[in-house]
Amino acid sequence: MIHTAFVGGWTEPRGSRPFFGSLLLGVADEQGELRYAGRVASGFKDAQLGVIWKQLRALKTKAAPFPVVPETIERAHWVKPTLAVQVHFSGWTKDGRLRRPVFAGLVDKDAKRERAHKERHSVAADATRRD
């Protein structure tokens, strides 16, 4: 499956990886509220890391965009949730998280709102099929 999610923040990198460790993702619920949906740390090409990093730094803010602030192992940094990404994933967990997400790419800005609106309605349908 593939899904569009909004980036709500990033975590500090570990080891030799530059820029960030993972992106903290959110999806809109039925009321349009952004809720935390997990993190994605794989699937990035080296050239993408720097491009995404520049966008993240421009969107940095002090407050988490999620009503419930997620716990992270590495230090979290928050951004305005305007950057959308696509992730491949294998399903939803019982607590509404993306299962095994892999970064697939940035979403075109013009298509972002339409795609997120359509997928917001599919999240409710997917919730009944979670494993």
C-alpha atoms as a PDB file:
ATOM      1  CA  MET A   1       0.000   0.000   0.000  1.00  0.00           C
ATOM      2  CA  ILE A   2       1.011   3.611  -0.441  1.00  0.00           C
ATOM      3  CA  HIS A   3      -0.192   6.573   1.608  1.00  0.00           C
ATOM      4  CA  THR A   4       0.392  10.319   1.782  1.00  0.00           C
ATOM      5  CA  ALA A   5       1.414  11.647   5.191  1.00  0.00           C
ATOM      6  CA  PHE A   6       2.417  15.050   6.493  1.00  0.00           C
ATOM      7  CA  VAL A   7       5.785  15.549   8.148  1.00  0.00           C
ATOM      8  CA  GLY A   8       5.364  16.860  11.684  1.00  0.00           C
ATOM      9  CA  GLY A   9       8.999  16.641  12.673  1.00  0.00           C
ATOM     10  CA  TRP A  10      12.249  14.736  12.537  1.00  0.00           C
ATOM     11  CA  THR A  11      14.595  12.972  14.918  1.00  0.00           C
ATOM     12  CA  GLU A  12      18.318  13.416  15.389  1.00  0.00           C
ATOM     13  CA  PRO A  13      20.442  11.130  13.201  1.00  0.00           C
ATOM     14  CA  ARG A  14      22.403   8.174  14.555  1.00  0.00           C
ATOM     15  CA  GLY A  15      25.754   6.893  13.391  1.00  0.00           C
ATOM     16  CA  SER A  16      27.107   8.249  10.127  1.00  0.00           C
ATOM     17  CA  ARG A  17      23.802   9.266   8.566  1.00  0.00           C
ATOM     18  CA  PRO A  18      23.638  13.028   7.896  1.00  0.00           C
ATOM     19  CA  PHE A  19      20.794  15.506   8.500  1.00  0.00           C
ATOM     20  CA  PHE A  20      18.041  13.491  10.255  1.00  0.00           C
ATOM     21  CA  GLY A  21      17.289  10.016  11.581  1.00  0.00           C
ATOM     22  CA  SER A  22      13.611   9.679  10.768  1.00  0.00           C
ATOM     23  CA  LEU A  23      10.638  11.764   9.735  1.00  0.00           C
ATOM     24  CA  LEU A  24       7.745  11.891  12.195  1.00  0.00           C
ATOM     25  CA  LEU A  25       4.540  11.488  10.210  1.00  0.00           C
ATOM     26  CA  GLY A  26       0.940  12.476  10.688  1.00  0.00           C
ATOM     27  CA  VAL A  27      -2.329  11.765   8.892  1.00  0.00           C
ATOM     28  CA  ALA A  28      -5.572  13.703   9.114  1.00  0.00           C
ATOM     29  CA  ASP A  29      -8.412  12.027  10.984  1.00  0.00           C
ATOM     30  CA  GLU A  30     -12.111  12.348  10.094  1.00  0.00           C
ATOM     31  CA  GLN A  31     -12.265  15.776  11.792  1.00  0.00           C
ATOM     32  CA  GLY A  32      -9.209  17.045   9.919  1.00  0.00           C
ATOM     33  CA  GLU A  33      -6.940  16.874  12.997  1.00  0.00           C
ATOM     34  CA  LEU A  34      -3.404  15.745  12.356  1.00  0.00           C
ATOM     35  CA  ARG A  35      -2.627  12.635  14.389  1.00  0.00           C
ATOM     36  CA  TYR A  36       0.723  10.916  14.754  1.00  0.00           C
ATOM     37  CA  ALA A  37       1.007   7.893  12.471  1.00  0.00           C
ATOM     38  CA  GLY A  38       4.589   6.757  13.028  1.00  0.00           C
ATOM     39  CA  ARG A  39       8.031   7.454  11.681  1.00  0.00           C
ATOM     40  CA  VAL A  40       9.866   6.612   8.511  1.00  0.00           C
ATOM     41  CA  ALA A  41      13.624   6.098   8.478  1.00  0.00           C
ATOM     42  CA  SER A  42      14.261   4.015   5.364  1.00  0.00           C
ATOM     43  CA  GLY A  43      13.944   4.427   1.619  1.00  0.00           C
ATOM     44  CA  PHE A  44      15.797   7.727   1.335  1.00  0.00           C
ATOM     45  CA  LYS A  45      18.411   8.271  -1.365  1.00  0.00           C
ATOM     46  CA  ASP A  46      21.465  10.203  -0.208  1.00  0.00           C
ATOM     47  CA  ALA A  47      20.642  13.184  -2.445  1.00  0.00           C
ATOM     48  CA  GLN A  48      17.110  13.377  -1.005  1.00  0.00           C
ATOM     49  CA  LEU A  49      18.350  13.759   2.569  1.00  0.00           C
ATOM     50  CA  GLY A  50      19.837  17.206   1.933  1.00  0.00           C
ATOM     51  CA  VAL A  51      16.827  18.413  -0.072  1.00  0.00           C
ATOM     52  CA  ILE A  52      14.406  17.329   2.645  1.00  0.00           C
ATOM     53  CA  TRP A  53      16.662  18.753   5.366  1.00  0.00           C
ATOM     54  CA  LYS A  54      16.549  22.238   3.810  1.00  0.00           C
ATOM     55  CA  GLN A  55      12.756  22.116   3.720  1.00  0.00           C
ATOM     56  CA  LEU A  56      12.544  20.883   7.310  1.00  0.00           C
ATOM     57  CA  ARG A  57      14.766  23.665   8.640  1.00  0.00           C
ATOM     58  CA  ALA A  58      12.591  26.279   6.913  1.00  0.00           C
ATOM     59  CA  LEU A  59       9.471  24.851   8.611  1.00  0.00           C
ATOM     60  CA  LYS A  60      10.905  24.421  12.120  1.00  0.00           C
ATOM     61  CA  THR A  61       8.696  25.391  15.062  1.00  0.00           C
ATOM     62  CA  LYS A  62       8.796  24.862  18.827  1.00  0.00           C
ATOM     63  CA  ALA A  63       5.498  23.030  19.286  1.00  0.00           C
ATOM     64  CA  ALA A  64       4.570  19.547  18.112  1.00  0.00           C
ATOM     65  CA  PRO A  65       1.758  19.598  15.513  1.00  0.00           C
ATOM     66  CA  PHE A  66       0.115  16.525  17.062  1.00  0.00           C
ATOM     67  CA  PRO A  67      -2.449  16.731  19.897  1.00  0.00           C
ATOM     68  CA  VAL A  68      -0.593  13.887  21.636  1.00  0.00           C
ATOM     69  CA  VAL A  69       3.175  14.337  21.472  1.00  0.00           C
ATOM     70  CA  PRO A  70       4.842  11.061  20.443  1.00  0.00           C
ATOM     71  CA  GLU A  71       7.699   9.592  22.426  1.00  0.00           C
ATOM     72  CA  THR A  72      10.931   9.179  20.473  1.00  0.00           C
ATOM     73  CA  ILE A  73      14.249   7.563  21.311  1.00  0.00           C
ATOM     74  CA  GLU A  74      16.269  10.287  19.630  1.00  0.00           C
ATOM     75  CA  ARG A  75      15.583  13.986  20.211  1.00  0.00           C
ATOM     76  CA  ALA A  76      12.610  15.242  18.192  1.00  0.00           C
ATOM     77  CA  HIS A  77      12.370  18.546  16.325  1.00  0.00           C
ATOM     78  CA  TRP A  78       8.992  19.877  15.172  1.00  0.00           C
ATOM     79  CA  VAL A  79       7.885  21.492  11.937  1.00  0.00           C
ATOM     80  CA  LYS A  80       4.749  23.092  10.536  1.00  0.00           C
ATOM     81  CA  PRO A  81       3.017  20.116   8.859  1.00  0.00           C
ATOM     82  CA  THR A  82       2.980  21.431   5.301  1.00  0.00           C
ATOM     83  CA  LEU A  83       5.506  19.037   3.761  1.00  0.00           C
ATOM     84  CA  ALA A  84       3.815  15.903   2.430  1.00  0.00           C
ATOM     85  CA  VAL A  85       5.494  12.606   1.603  1.00  0.00           C
ATOM     86  CA  GLN A  86       4.388   9.287   0.228  1.00  0.00           C
ATOM     87  CA  VAL A  87       5.262   6.093   2.041  1.00  0.00           C
ATOM     88  CA  HIS A  88       4.873   2.450   1.128  1.00  0.00           C
ATOM     89  CA  PHE A  89       3.635   0.422   4.082  1.00  0.00           C
ATOM     90  CA  SER A  90       2.209  -3.011   4.818  1.00  0.00           C
ATOM     91  CA  GLY A  91      -0.889  -1.980   6.786  1.00  0.00           C
ATOM     92  CA  TRP A  92      -2.062  -0.246   9.932  1.00  0.00           C
ATOM     93  CA  THR A  93      -1.305  -1.325  13.490  1.00  0.00           C
ATOM     94  CA  LYS A  94      -4.090  -1.571  16.064  1.00  0.00           C
ATOM     95  CA  ASP A  95      -3.065   1.789  17.513  1.00  0.00           C
ATOM     96  CA  GLY A  96      -3.254   3.570  14.151  1.00  0.00           C
ATOM     97  CA  ARG A  97       0.410   3.537  13.168  1.00  0.00           C
ATOM     98  CA  LEU A  98       1.825   2.818   9.729  1.00  0.00           C
ATOM     99  CA  ARG A  99       3.305  -0.692   9.705  1.00  0.00           C
ATOM    100  CA  ARG A 100       6.822  -0.862   8.201  1.00  0.00           C
ATOM    101  CA  PRO A 101       6.742   2.462   6.319  1.00  0.00           C
ATOM    102  CA  VAL A 102       9.347   3.130   3.639  1.00  0.00           C
ATOM    103  CA  PHE A 103       9.844   6.573   2.125  1.00  0.00           C
ATOM    104  CA  ALA A 104       8.627   6.710  -1.492  1.00  0.00           C
ATOM    105  CA  GLY A 105       9.037  10.409  -2.286  1.00  0.00           C
ATOM    106  CA  LEU A 106       7.916  13.965  -1.769  1.00  0.00           C
ATOM    107  CA  VAL A 107       4.397  14.891  -2.844  1.00  0.00           C
ATOM    108  CA  ASP A 108       3.845  17.537  -5.500  1.00  0.00           C
ATOM    109  CA  LYS A 109       2.514  20.636  -3.709  1.00  0.00           C
ATOM    110  CA  ASP A 110      -0.517  21.019  -6.027  1.00  0.00           C
ATOM    111  CA  ALA A 111      -1.623  17.417  -5.589  1.00  0.00           C
ATOM    112  CA  LYS A 112      -0.971  17.374  -1.838  1.00  0.00           C
ATOM    113  CA  ARG A 113      -4.316  18.708  -0.552  1.00  0.00           C
ATOM    114  CA  GLU A 114      -6.464  16.656  -2.912  1.00  0.00           C
ATOM    115  CA  ARG A 115      -4.593  13.444  -2.155  1.00  0.00           C
ATOM    116  CA  ALA A 116      -4.663  14.026   1.603  1.00  0.00           C
ATOM    117  CA  HIS A 117      -8.409  14.705   1.506  1.00  0.00           C
ATOM    118  CA  LYS A 118      -9.103  11.454  -0.356  1.00  0.00           C
ATOM    119  CA  GLU A 119      -6.830   9.458   1.925  1.00  0.00           C
ATOM    120  CA  ARG A 120      -8.345  10.937   5.097  1.00  0.00           C
ATOM    121  CA  HIS A 121     -11.555   9.127   4.215  1.00  0.00           C
ATOM    122  CA  SER A 122      -9.717   5.897   3.466  1.00  0.00           C
ATOM    123  CA  VAL A 123      -8.034   5.944   6.913  1.00  0.00           C
ATOM    124  CA  ALA A 124     -11.417   5.392   8.560  1.00  0.00           C
ATOM    125  CA  ALA A 125     -12.161   2.511   6.204  1.00  0.00           C
ATOM    126  CA  ASP A 126      -8.716   0.975   6.767  1.00  0.00           C
ATOM    127  CA  ALA A 127      -9.213   1.164  10.537  1.00  0.00           C
ATOM    128  CA  THR A 128     -11.769  -1.613  10.351  1.00  0.00           C
ATOM    129  CA  ARG A 129      -9.256  -3.821   8.509  1.00  0.00           C
ATOM    130  CA  ARG A 130      -6.263  -3.353  10.843  1.00  0.00           C
ATOM    131  CA  ASP A 131      -4.467  -6.491  11.884  1.00  0.00           C
END
